[in-house]
Amino acid sequence: MKISGIGYGGMHLSIQGRPPEDVGRRVLNAAIDAGVSFIDTADVYCLDDSDIGHNERLIASVLRERSDGDRIRVATKGGLRRPKGAWTNDGTPKHIREACEKSLRALGVDQIFLYQFHAPDPAFPFEKSVETFAQLQREGKCLYIGLSNVTVAHIGKAARIVEIVSVQNRLNPYFREAIEEGVVAECERRDVTFLAYSPVGGGRLSKKIPKFEVLTTIARARGVSPWAVTLAWVRSKGKTVIPIPSATKPESAIDSAKSAHLTLTPEEVAAIDDTEFSRA
């Protein structure tokens, strides 16, 4: 099943510092109108445990109002909690099952398109968590299963239990561990979609992107933004890589979506490869 070459990550529409809901709705509509057909969310994209499902409900409400809403693929996740706004792991079958049911209701669907294990729980066996996802799939609760924040070893263990169609890890010029530790290559070898989150750095680091001459030089030559160049670089890192940038302004969402049509030359990719992106 094909999805757009650039997705959209909904997290920043629902966590601390989120924009007003009407702005969030405009951002989602702008991303879709610009060509995005894949949206990533999670039950814990919210303020705290009392706000669970905020992002899922927001996305669902936008899609219900669109005549083309049925064509948009929405992926969500389970396996974390938000006690008092903290981010904590819970990979137990009980929690995952409860989270799945809540996500089904929040999204207003009978089946989740892609249900992802948000992160391995150090306090619970990884394989047992994955088996719960496999059971949910067998019950028809989700169509596909994915992983997030995992290693190559995790992918191998999970793939022995159930078919894994996606892996969502961080990848941007500042943080390249997904490349260096072989996760991107492993996904390509297995023909698994690699969903790159925080592809332009996220927060403060995203704002630094225009300060790097290699990006601004390419951007001027191509008539695009340095953020679009960064997303094109992320896409260049593997045949199955799909960046899922977030945005809290419609214009940013549109700029990201349009970057799907930008392909860098090998020389441009190499120039970015060779640049040190300081996080200071």
C-alpha atoms as a PDB file:
ATOM      1  CA  MET A   1       0.000   0.000   0.000  1.00  0.00           C
ATOM      2  CA  LYS A   2       1.561   3.288  -1.121  1.00  0.00           C
ATOM      3  CA  ILE A   3       1.791   6.412   0.999  1.00  0.00           C
ATOM      4  CA  SER A   4       3.190   9.853   0.216  1.00  0.00           C
ATOM      5  CA  GLY A   5       6.955  10.360   0.104  1.00  0.00           C
ATOM      6  CA  ILE A   6       6.621  12.853   2.962  1.00  0.00           C
ATOM      7  CA  GLY A   7       4.317  12.174   5.885  1.00  0.00           C
ATOM      8  CA  TYR A   8       3.169  14.429   8.698  1.00  0.00           C
ATOM      9  CA  GLY A   9       3.868  13.946  12.409  1.00  0.00           C
ATOM     10  CA  GLY A  10       1.089  15.267  14.592  1.00  0.00           C
ATOM     11  CA  MET A  11       2.830  15.418  17.975  1.00  0.00           C
ATOM     12  CA  HIS A  12       3.412  19.167  18.232  1.00  0.00           C
ATOM     13  CA  LEU A  13      -0.263  19.938  17.694  1.00  0.00           C
ATOM     14  CA  SER A  14      -1.085  18.325  21.033  1.00  0.00           C
ATOM     15  CA  ILE A  15       1.805  18.492  23.515  1.00  0.00           C
ATOM     16  CA  GLN A  16       2.913  21.373  25.764  1.00  0.00           C
ATOM     17  CA  GLY A  17       3.009  24.623  23.792  1.00  0.00           C
ATOM     18  CA  ARG A  18       0.495  23.359  21.240  1.00  0.00           C
ATOM     19  CA  PRO A  19      -1.253  25.860  18.988  1.00  0.00           C
ATOM     20  CA  PRO A  20      -4.984  26.605  19.309  1.00  0.00           C
ATOM     21  CA  GLU A  21      -7.138  23.798  17.905  1.00  0.00           C
ATOM     22  CA  ASP A  22      -8.341  25.865  14.940  1.00  0.00           C
ATOM     23  CA  VAL A  23      -4.711  26.411  13.929  1.00  0.00           C
ATOM     24  CA  GLY A  24      -3.995  22.702  14.299  1.00  0.00           C
ATOM     25  CA  ARG A  25      -6.903  21.928  12.016  1.00  0.00           C
ATOM     26  CA  ARG A  26      -5.596  24.368   9.391  1.00  0.00           C
ATOM     27  CA  VAL A  27      -2.145  22.771   9.588  1.00  0.00           C
ATOM     28  CA  LEU A  28      -3.552  19.278   9.011  1.00  0.00           C
ATOM     29  CA  ASN A  29      -5.703  20.424   6.107  1.00  0.00           C
ATOM     30  CA  ALA A  30      -2.768  22.294   4.572  1.00  0.00           C
ATOM     31  CA  ALA A  31      -0.549  19.208   4.761  1.00  0.00           C
ATOM     32  CA  ILE A  32      -3.193  17.019   3.115  1.00  0.00           C
ATOM     33  CA  ASP A  33      -3.998  19.603   0.432  1.00  0.00           C
ATOM     34  CA  ALA A  34      -0.252  19.760  -0.356  1.00  0.00           C
ATOM     35  CA  GLY A  35      -0.104  16.023  -1.013  1.00  0.00           C
ATOM     36  CA  VAL A  36       0.444  14.289   2.333  1.00  0.00           C
ATOM     37  CA  SER A  37      -1.488  11.008   2.568  1.00  0.00           C
ATOM     38  CA  PHE A  38       0.147   9.582   5.719  1.00  0.00           C
ATOM     39  CA  ILE A  39      -0.224  11.036   9.218  1.00  0.00           C
ATOM     40  CA  ASP A  40       1.562   9.707  12.275  1.00  0.00           C
ATOM     41  CA  THR A  41       0.139  10.122  15.755  1.00  0.00           C
ATOM     42  CA  ALA A  42       0.088   8.421  19.167  1.00  0.00           C
ATOM     43  CA  ASP A  43      -2.246   8.141  22.119  1.00  0.00           C
ATOM     44  CA  VAL A  44       0.319   9.978  24.270  1.00  0.00           C
ATOM     45  CA  TYR A  45       0.538  13.037  22.030  1.00  0.00           C
ATOM     46  CA  CYS A  46      -1.244  15.080  24.659  1.00  0.00           C
ATOM     47  CA  LEU A  47      -0.547  17.066  27.836  1.00  0.00           C
ATOM     48  CA  ASP A  48      -0.854  14.248  30.375  1.00  0.00           C
ATOM     49  CA  ASP A  49      -2.805  11.089  31.174  1.00  0.00           C
ATOM     50  CA  SER A  50      -6.052  13.067  31.563  1.00  0.00           C
ATOM     51  CA  ASP A  51      -5.649  14.269  27.953  1.00  0.00           C
ATOM     52  CA  ILE A  52      -4.830  10.892  26.325  1.00  0.00           C
ATOM     53  CA  GLY A  53      -5.872  10.695  22.682  1.00  0.00           C
ATOM     54  CA  HIS A  54      -5.947  14.461  22.046  1.00  0.00           C
ATOM     55  CA  ASN A  55      -3.978  14.260  18.813  1.00  0.00           C
ATOM     56  CA  GLU A  56      -5.876  11.214  17.581  1.00  0.00           C
ATOM     57  CA  ARG A  57      -9.216  12.972  18.159  1.00  0.00           C
ATOM     58  CA  LEU A  58      -7.983  16.127  16.428  1.00  0.00           C
ATOM     59  CA  ILE A  59      -6.858  14.225  13.344  1.00  0.00           C
ATOM     60  CA  ALA A  60     -10.051  12.171  13.232  1.00  0.00           C
ATOM     61  CA  SER A  61     -12.218  15.294  13.417  1.00  0.00           C
ATOM     62  CA  VAL A  62     -10.373  16.856  10.467  1.00  0.00           C
ATOM     63  CA  LEU A  63     -10.622  13.720   8.329  1.00  0.00           C
ATOM     64  CA  ARG A  64     -14.353  13.365   9.035  1.00  0.00           C
ATOM     65  CA  GLU A  65     -14.958  16.789   7.516  1.00  0.00           C
ATOM     66  CA  ARG A  66     -13.014  16.061   4.331  1.00  0.00           C
ATOM     67  CA  SER A  67     -14.543  14.368   1.301  1.00  0.00           C
ATOM     68  CA  ASP A  68     -11.188  12.630   0.729  1.00  0.00           C
ATOM     69  CA  GLY A  69     -10.607  11.729   4.367  1.00  0.00           C
ATOM     70  CA  ASP A  70     -10.880   7.996   3.691  1.00  0.00           C
ATOM     71  CA  ARG A  71      -7.733   8.014   1.552  1.00  0.00           C
ATOM     72  CA  ILE A  72      -5.526   9.367   4.342  1.00  0.00           C
ATOM     73  CA  ARG A  73      -3.637   6.650   6.212  1.00  0.00           C
ATOM     74  CA  VAL A  74      -3.262   7.255   9.931  1.00  0.00           C
ATOM     75  CA  ALA A  75      -0.706   5.434  12.059  1.00  0.00           C
ATOM     76  CA  THR A  76      -0.791   5.524  15.838  1.00  0.00           C
ATOM     77  CA  LYS A  77       1.207   3.998  18.690  1.00  0.00           C
ATOM     78  CA  GLY A  78       0.823   2.323  22.058  1.00  0.00           C
ATOM     79  CA  GLY A  79       3.238   1.496  24.849  1.00  0.00           C
ATOM     80  CA  LEU A  80       3.812   4.765  26.727  1.00  0.00           C
ATOM     81  CA  ARG A  81       2.007   6.697  29.448  1.00  0.00           C
ATOM     82  CA  ARG A  82       1.911  10.408  30.403  1.00  0.00           C
ATOM     83  CA  PRO A  83       1.635  10.596  34.228  1.00  0.00           C
ATOM     84  CA  LYS A  84       1.622  14.294  35.207  1.00  0.00           C
ATOM     85  CA  GLY A  85       3.084  15.080  31.779  1.00  0.00           C
ATOM     86  CA  ALA A  86       6.056  12.702  32.035  1.00  0.00           C
ATOM     87  CA  TRP A  87       6.855  10.123  29.355  1.00  0.00           C
ATOM     88  CA  THR A  88       7.019   6.598  30.811  1.00  0.00           C
ATOM     89  CA  ASN A  89       7.119   3.097  29.328  1.00  0.00           C
ATOM     90  CA  ASP A  90       4.418   0.467  29.725  1.00  0.00           C
ATOM     91  CA  GLY A  91       4.798  -2.510  27.403  1.00  0.00           C
ATOM     92  CA  THR A  92       2.510  -4.825  29.371  1.00  0.00           C
ATOM     93  CA  PRO A  93      -0.240  -6.651  27.462  1.00  0.00           C
ATOM     94  CA  LYS A  94      -2.899  -5.101  29.703  1.00  0.00           C
ATOM     95  CA  HIS A  95      -1.811  -1.560  28.917  1.00  0.00           C
ATOM     96  CA  ILE A  96      -1.304  -2.177  25.190  1.00  0.00           C
ATOM     97  CA  ARG A  97      -4.758  -3.717  24.854  1.00  0.00           C
ATOM     98  CA  GLU A  98      -6.387  -0.868  26.774  1.00  0.00           C
ATOM     99  CA  ALA A  99      -4.436   1.693  24.717  1.00  0.00           C
ATOM    100  CA  CYS A 100      -5.512   0.046  21.472  1.00  0.00           C
ATOM    101  CA  GLU A 101      -9.199   0.194  22.407  1.00  0.00           C
ATOM    102  CA  LYS A 102      -8.874   3.866  23.383  1.00  0.00           C
ATOM    103  CA  SER A 103      -7.094   4.663  20.098  1.00  0.00           C
ATOM    104  CA  LEU A 104      -9.808   2.913  18.087  1.00  0.00           C
ATOM    105  CA  ARG A 105     -12.418   5.094  19.798  1.00  0.00           C
ATOM    106  CA  ALA A 106     -10.370   8.291  19.511  1.00  0.00           C
ATOM    107  CA  LEU A 107      -9.739   7.732  15.800  1.00  0.00           C
ATOM    108  CA  GLY A 108     -13.316   6.639  15.217  1.00  0.00           C
ATOM    109  CA  VAL A 109     -12.309   3.509  13.294  1.00  0.00           C
ATOM    110  CA  ASP A 110     -12.895  -0.227  13.539  1.00  0.00           C
ATOM    111  CA  GLN A 111      -9.312  -0.999  12.549  1.00  0.00           C
ATOM    112  CA  ILE A 112      -6.081   0.969  12.985  1.00  0.00           C
ATOM    113  CA  PHE A 113      -4.144   1.207   9.717  1.00  0.00           C
ATOM    114  CA  LEU A 114      -0.693   0.922  11.324  1.00  0.00           C
ATOM    115  CA  TYR A 115      -0.280   0.237  15.035  1.00  0.00           C
ATOM    116  CA  GLN A 116       3.251   0.822  16.320  1.00  0.00           C
ATOM    117  CA  PHE A 117       4.953  -0.247  19.549  1.00  0.00           C
ATOM    118  CA  HIS A 118       6.062   3.193  20.744  1.00  0.00           C
ATOM    119  CA  ALA A 119       9.232   2.063  22.526  1.00  0.00           C
ATOM    120  CA  PRO A 120      10.630  -1.091  24.159  1.00  0.00           C
ATOM    121  CA  ASP A 121       9.886  -1.241  27.886  1.00  0.00           C
ATOM    122  CA  PRO A 122      13.084  -2.010  29.856  1.00  0.00           C
ATOM    123  CA  ALA A 123      10.942  -3.480  32.641  1.00  0.00           C
ATOM    124  CA  PHE A 124       9.021  -5.950  30.449  1.00  0.00           C
ATOM    125  CA  PRO A 125      10.105  -8.584  27.878  1.00  0.00           C
ATOM    126  CA  PHE A 126      10.143  -7.058  24.404  1.00  0.00           C
ATOM    127  CA  GLU A 127       8.892 -10.231  22.708  1.00  0.00           C
ATOM    128  CA  LYS A 128       5.850 -10.430  24.972  1.00  0.00           C
ATOM    129  CA  SER A 129       4.925  -6.851  24.098  1.00  0.00           C
ATOM    130  CA  VAL A 130       5.245  -7.613  20.384  1.00  0.00           C
ATOM    131  CA  GLU A 131       3.141 -10.761  20.764  1.00  0.00           C
ATOM    132  CA  THR A 132       0.333  -8.584  22.130  1.00  0.00           C
ATOM    133  CA  PHE A 133       0.459  -6.480  18.970  1.00  0.00           C
ATOM    134  CA  ALA A 134       0.364  -9.683  16.921  1.00  0.00           C
ATOM    135  CA  GLN A 135      -2.731 -10.823  18.809  1.00  0.00           C
ATOM    136  CA  LEU A 136      -4.419  -7.478  18.188  1.00  0.00           C
ATOM    137  CA  GLN A 137      -3.693  -7.866  14.482  1.00  0.00           C
ATOM    138  CA  ARG A 138      -5.160 -11.376  14.446  1.00  0.00           C
ATOM    139  CA  GLU A 139      -8.272  -9.976  16.110  1.00  0.00           C
ATOM    140  CA  GLY A 140      -8.604  -7.374  13.344  1.00  0.00           C
ATOM    141  CA  LYS A 141      -7.838  -4.411  15.584  1.00  0.00           C
ATOM    142  CA  CYS A 142      -5.006  -3.255  13.320  1.00  0.00           C
ATOM    143  CA  LEU A 143      -4.073  -3.904   9.707  1.00  0.00           C
ATOM    144  CA  TYR A 144      -0.291  -3.504   9.982  1.00  0.00           C
ATOM    145  CA  ILE A 145       2.261  -3.511  12.807  1.00  0.00           C
ATOM    146  CA  GLY A 146       5.307  -1.287  13.245  1.00  0.00           C
ATOM    147  CA  LEU A 147       8.046  -0.556  15.761  1.00  0.00           C
ATOM    148  CA  SER A 148       9.533   2.677  17.068  1.00  0.00           C
ATOM    149  CA  ASN A 149      12.749   3.612  18.865  1.00  0.00           C
ATOM    150  CA  VAL A 150      14.326   0.217  18.226  1.00  0.00           C
ATOM    151  CA  THR A 151      17.654  -1.378  17.295  1.00  0.00           C
ATOM    152  CA  VAL A 152      18.512  -3.873  14.564  1.00  0.00           C
ATOM    153  CA  ALA A 153      18.305  -6.620  17.198  1.00  0.00           C
ATOM    154  CA  HIS A 154      14.783  -5.550  18.144  1.00  0.00           C
ATOM    155  CA  ILE A 155      13.706  -5.691  14.500  1.00  0.00           C
ATOM    156  CA  GLY A 156      15.004  -9.248  14.175  1.00  0.00           C
ATOM    157  CA  LYS A 157      13.275 -10.401  17.364  1.00  0.00           C
ATOM    158  CA  ALA A 158       9.955  -8.818  16.376  1.00  0.00           C
ATOM    159  CA  ALA A 159      10.078 -10.153  12.819  1.00  0.00           C
ATOM    160  CA  ARG A 160      10.232 -13.705  14.174  1.00  0.00           C
ATOM    161  CA  ILE A 161       6.871 -13.109  15.849  1.00  0.00           C
ATOM    162  CA  VAL A 162       4.905 -11.040  13.337  1.00  0.00           C
ATOM    163  CA  GLU A 163       5.387  -9.201  10.044  1.00  0.00           C
ATOM    164  CA  ILE A 164       6.828  -5.750  10.711  1.00  0.00           C
ATOM    165  CA  VAL A 165       6.081  -3.216   7.967  1.00  0.00           C
ATOM    166  CA  SER A 166       7.618  -0.076   9.482  1.00  0.00           C
ATOM    167  CA  VAL A 167      10.228   1.213  11.893  1.00  0.00           C
ATOM    168  CA  GLN A 168      10.061   4.753  13.234  1.00  0.00           C
ATOM    169  CA  ASN A 169      13.327   6.154  14.612  1.00  0.00           C
ATOM    170  CA  ARG A 170      14.945   9.568  14.748  1.00  0.00           C
ATOM    171  CA  LEU A 171      17.015  10.670  11.755  1.00  0.00           C
ATOM    172  CA  ASN A 172      18.295  14.119  10.866  1.00  0.00           C
ATOM    173  CA  PRO A 173      21.668  15.764  10.113  1.00  0.00           C
ATOM    174  CA  TYR A 174      22.278  16.316  13.831  1.00  0.00           C
ATOM    175  CA  PHE A 175      21.443  12.765  14.903  1.00  0.00           C
ATOM    176  CA  ARG A 176      22.521  10.021  12.496  1.00  0.00           C
ATOM    177  CA  GLU A 177      22.489   6.984  14.787  1.00  0.00           C
ATOM    178  CA  ALA A 178      19.815   5.288  12.673  1.00  0.00           C
ATOM    179  CA  ILE A 179      22.354   5.219   9.836  1.00  0.00           C
ATOM    180  CA  GLU A 180      25.452   4.568  11.934  1.00  0.00           C
ATOM    181  CA  GLU A 181      23.866   1.701  13.882  1.00  0.00           C
ATOM    182  CA  GLY A 182      22.482   0.052  10.750  1.00  0.00           C
ATOM    183  CA  VAL A 183      18.746   0.465  11.354  1.00  0.00           C
ATOM    184  CA  VAL A 184      18.079   2.254   8.060  1.00  0.00           C
ATOM    185  CA  ALA A 185      20.085  -0.351   6.119  1.00  0.00           C
ATOM    186  CA  GLU A 186      18.295  -3.196   7.912  1.00  0.00           C
ATOM    187  CA  CYS A 187      14.924  -1.705   6.991  1.00  0.00           C
ATOM    188  CA  GLU A 188      15.977  -1.441   3.352  1.00  0.00           C
ATOM    189  CA  ARG A 189      17.240  -5.031   3.399  1.00  0.00           C
ATOM    190  CA  ARG A 190      13.903  -6.230   4.767  1.00  0.00           C
ATOM    191  CA  ASP A 191      11.840  -3.873   2.568  1.00  0.00           C
ATOM    192  CA  VAL A 192      10.470  -2.241   5.726  1.00  0.00           C
ATOM    193  CA  THR A 193       9.403   1.406   5.616  1.00  0.00           C
ATOM    194  CA  PHE A 194      11.668   3.614   7.746  1.00  0.00           C
ATOM    195  CA  LEU A 195       9.686   6.528   9.176  1.00  0.00           C
ATOM    196  CA  ALA A 196      12.153   9.268  10.098  1.00  0.00           C
ATOM    197  CA  TYR A 197      10.899  11.378  12.985  1.00  0.00           C
ATOM    198  CA  SER A 198      12.374  14.785  13.894  1.00  0.00           C
ATOM    199  CA  PRO A 199      13.844  14.904  10.348  1.00  0.00           C
ATOM    200  CA  VAL A 200      14.858  18.566  10.626  1.00  0.00           C
ATOM    201  CA  GLY A 201      16.040  18.315  14.218  1.00  0.00           C
ATOM    202  CA  GLY A 202      12.966  19.303  16.179  1.00  0.00           C
ATOM    203  CA  GLY A 203      12.427  22.419  18.296  1.00  0.00           C
ATOM    204  CA  ARG A 204      15.550  24.530  18.792  1.00  0.00           C
ATOM    205  CA  LEU A 205      17.620  22.500  16.325  1.00  0.00           C
ATOM    206  CA  SER A 206      15.076  22.975  13.564  1.00  0.00           C
ATOM    207  CA  LYS A 207      15.445  26.736  13.932  1.00  0.00           C
ATOM    208  CA  LYS A 208      19.221  26.386  13.422  1.00  0.00           C
ATOM    209  CA  ILE A 209      18.861  24.793   9.970  1.00  0.00           C
ATOM    210  CA  PRO A 210      19.244  28.106   8.007  1.00  0.00           C
ATOM    211  CA  LYS A 211      22.556  28.751   9.796  1.00  0.00           C
ATOM    212  CA  PHE A 212      24.327  25.959   7.912  1.00  0.00           C
ATOM    213  CA  GLU A 213      25.874  27.258   4.701  1.00  0.00           C
ATOM    214  CA  VAL A 214      25.757  23.902   2.929  1.00  0.00           C
ATOM    215  CA  LEU A 215      21.970  23.859   3.248  1.00  0.00           C
ATOM    216  CA  THR A 216      21.373  27.495   2.341  1.00  0.00           C
ATOM    217  CA  THR A 217      23.660  27.259  -0.707  1.00  0.00           C
ATOM    218  CA  ILE A 218      21.753  24.270  -2.070  1.00  0.00           C
ATOM    219  CA  ALA A 219      18.427  25.887  -1.168  1.00  0.00           C
ATOM    220  CA  ARG A 220      19.235  29.069  -3.117  1.00  0.00           C
ATOM    221  CA  ALA A 221      20.360  27.078  -6.125  1.00  0.00           C
ATOM    222  CA  ARG A 222      17.199  24.972  -6.098  1.00  0.00           C
ATOM    223  CA  GLY A 223      14.739  27.698  -5.181  1.00  0.00           C
ATOM    224  CA  VAL A 224      13.558  25.892  -2.056  1.00  0.00           C
ATOM    225  CA  SER A 225      13.889  26.303   1.705  1.00  0.00           C
ATOM    226  CA  PRO A 226      16.825  24.877   3.683  1.00  0.00           C
ATOM    227  CA  TRP A 227      14.291  22.728   5.558  1.00  0.00           C
ATOM    228  CA  ALA A 228      13.161  21.192   2.267  1.00  0.00           C
ATOM    229  CA  VAL A 229      16.804  20.439   1.447  1.00  0.00           C
ATOM    230  CA  THR A 230      17.177  18.747   4.833  1.00  0.00           C
ATOM    231  CA  LEU A 231      14.127  16.561   4.222  1.00  0.00           C
ATOM    232  CA  ALA A 232      15.460  15.604   0.794  1.00  0.00           C
ATOM    233  CA  TRP A 233      18.759  14.607   2.412  1.00  0.00           C
ATOM    234  CA  VAL A 234      16.917  12.396   4.912  1.00  0.00           C
ATOM    235  CA  ARG A 235      15.017  10.740   2.045  1.00  0.00           C
ATOM    236  CA  SER A 236      18.320  10.095   0.266  1.00  0.00           C
ATOM    237  CA  LYS A 237      19.530   7.858   3.096  1.00  0.00           C
ATOM    238  CA  GLY A 238      17.536   4.819   1.994  1.00  0.00           C
ATOM    239  CA  LYS A 239      15.033   3.585  -0.555  1.00  0.00           C
ATOM    240  CA  THR A 240      12.408   2.963   2.135  1.00  0.00           C
ATOM    241  CA  VAL A 241      12.915   6.205   4.104  1.00  0.00           C
ATOM    242  CA  ILE A 242       9.896   8.494   4.571  1.00  0.00           C
ATOM    243  CA  PRO A 243      10.389  11.614   6.709  1.00  0.00           C
ATOM    244  CA  ILE A 244       7.462  12.564   8.955  1.00  0.00           C
ATOM    245  CA  PRO A 245       8.109  16.212   9.865  1.00  0.00           C
ATOM    246  CA  SER A 246       5.819  18.051  12.230  1.00  0.00           C
ATOM    247  CA  ALA A 247       4.572  21.613  11.779  1.00  0.00           C
ATOM    248  CA  THR A 248       2.546  24.076  13.797  1.00  0.00           C
ATOM    249  CA  LYS A 249       2.008  26.525  10.930  1.00  0.00           C
ATOM    250  CA  PRO A 250       0.217  25.791   7.624  1.00  0.00           C
ATOM    251  CA  GLU A 251       3.055  27.289   5.568  1.00  0.00           C
ATOM    252  CA  SER A 252       5.582  24.963   7.209  1.00  0.00           C
ATOM    253  CA  ALA A 253       3.392  21.935   6.511  1.00  0.00           C
ATOM    254  CA  ILE A 254       3.093  22.937   2.863  1.00  0.00           C
ATOM    255  CA  ASP A 255       6.843  23.495   2.515  1.00  0.00           C
ATOM    256  CA  SER A 256       7.554  20.047   3.967  1.00  0.00           C
ATOM    257  CA  ALA A 257       5.013  18.310   1.739  1.00  0.00           C
ATOM    258  CA  LYS A 258       6.415  19.925  -1.408  1.00  0.00           C
ATOM    259  CA  SER A 259       9.902  18.658  -0.566  1.00  0.00           C
ATOM    260  CA  ALA A 260       8.751  15.216  -1.705  1.00  0.00           C
ATOM    261  CA  HIS A 261       9.459  16.425  -5.243  1.00  0.00           C
ATOM    262  CA  LEU A 262      13.049  17.468  -4.491  1.00  0.00           C
ATOM    263  CA  THR A 263      15.857  15.014  -5.250  1.00  0.00           C
ATOM    264  CA  LEU A 264      19.394  15.997  -4.360  1.00  0.00           C
ATOM    265  CA  THR A 265      22.385  15.182  -6.552  1.00  0.00           C
ATOM    266  CA  PRO A 266      25.017  12.755  -5.209  1.00  0.00           C
ATOM    267  CA  GLU A 267      27.344  15.738  -4.805  1.00  0.00           C
ATOM    268  CA  GLU A 268      24.786  17.659  -2.750  1.00  0.00           C
ATOM    269  CA  VAL A 269      24.141  14.632  -0.547  1.00  0.00           C
ATOM    270  CA  ALA A 270      27.880  14.146  -0.023  1.00  0.00           C
ATOM    271  CA  ALA A 271      28.343  17.808   0.899  1.00  0.00           C
ATOM    272  CA  ILE A 272      25.711  17.479   3.646  1.00  0.00           C
ATOM    273  CA  ASP A 273      27.149  14.132   4.709  1.00  0.00           C
ATOM    274  CA  ASP A 274      30.537  15.758   5.255  1.00  0.00           C
ATOM    275  CA  THR A 275      29.227  18.703   7.264  1.00  0.00           C
ATOM    276  CA  GLU A 276      29.287  18.620  11.050  1.00  0.00           C
ATOM    277  CA  PHE A 277      25.952  19.819  12.404  1.00  0.00           C
ATOM    278  CA  SER A 278      26.743  21.225  15.819  1.00  0.00           C
ATOM    279  CA  ARG A 279      23.939  20.931  18.370  1.00  0.00           C
ATOM    280  CA  ALA A 280      25.430  23.666  20.553  1.00  0.00           C
END
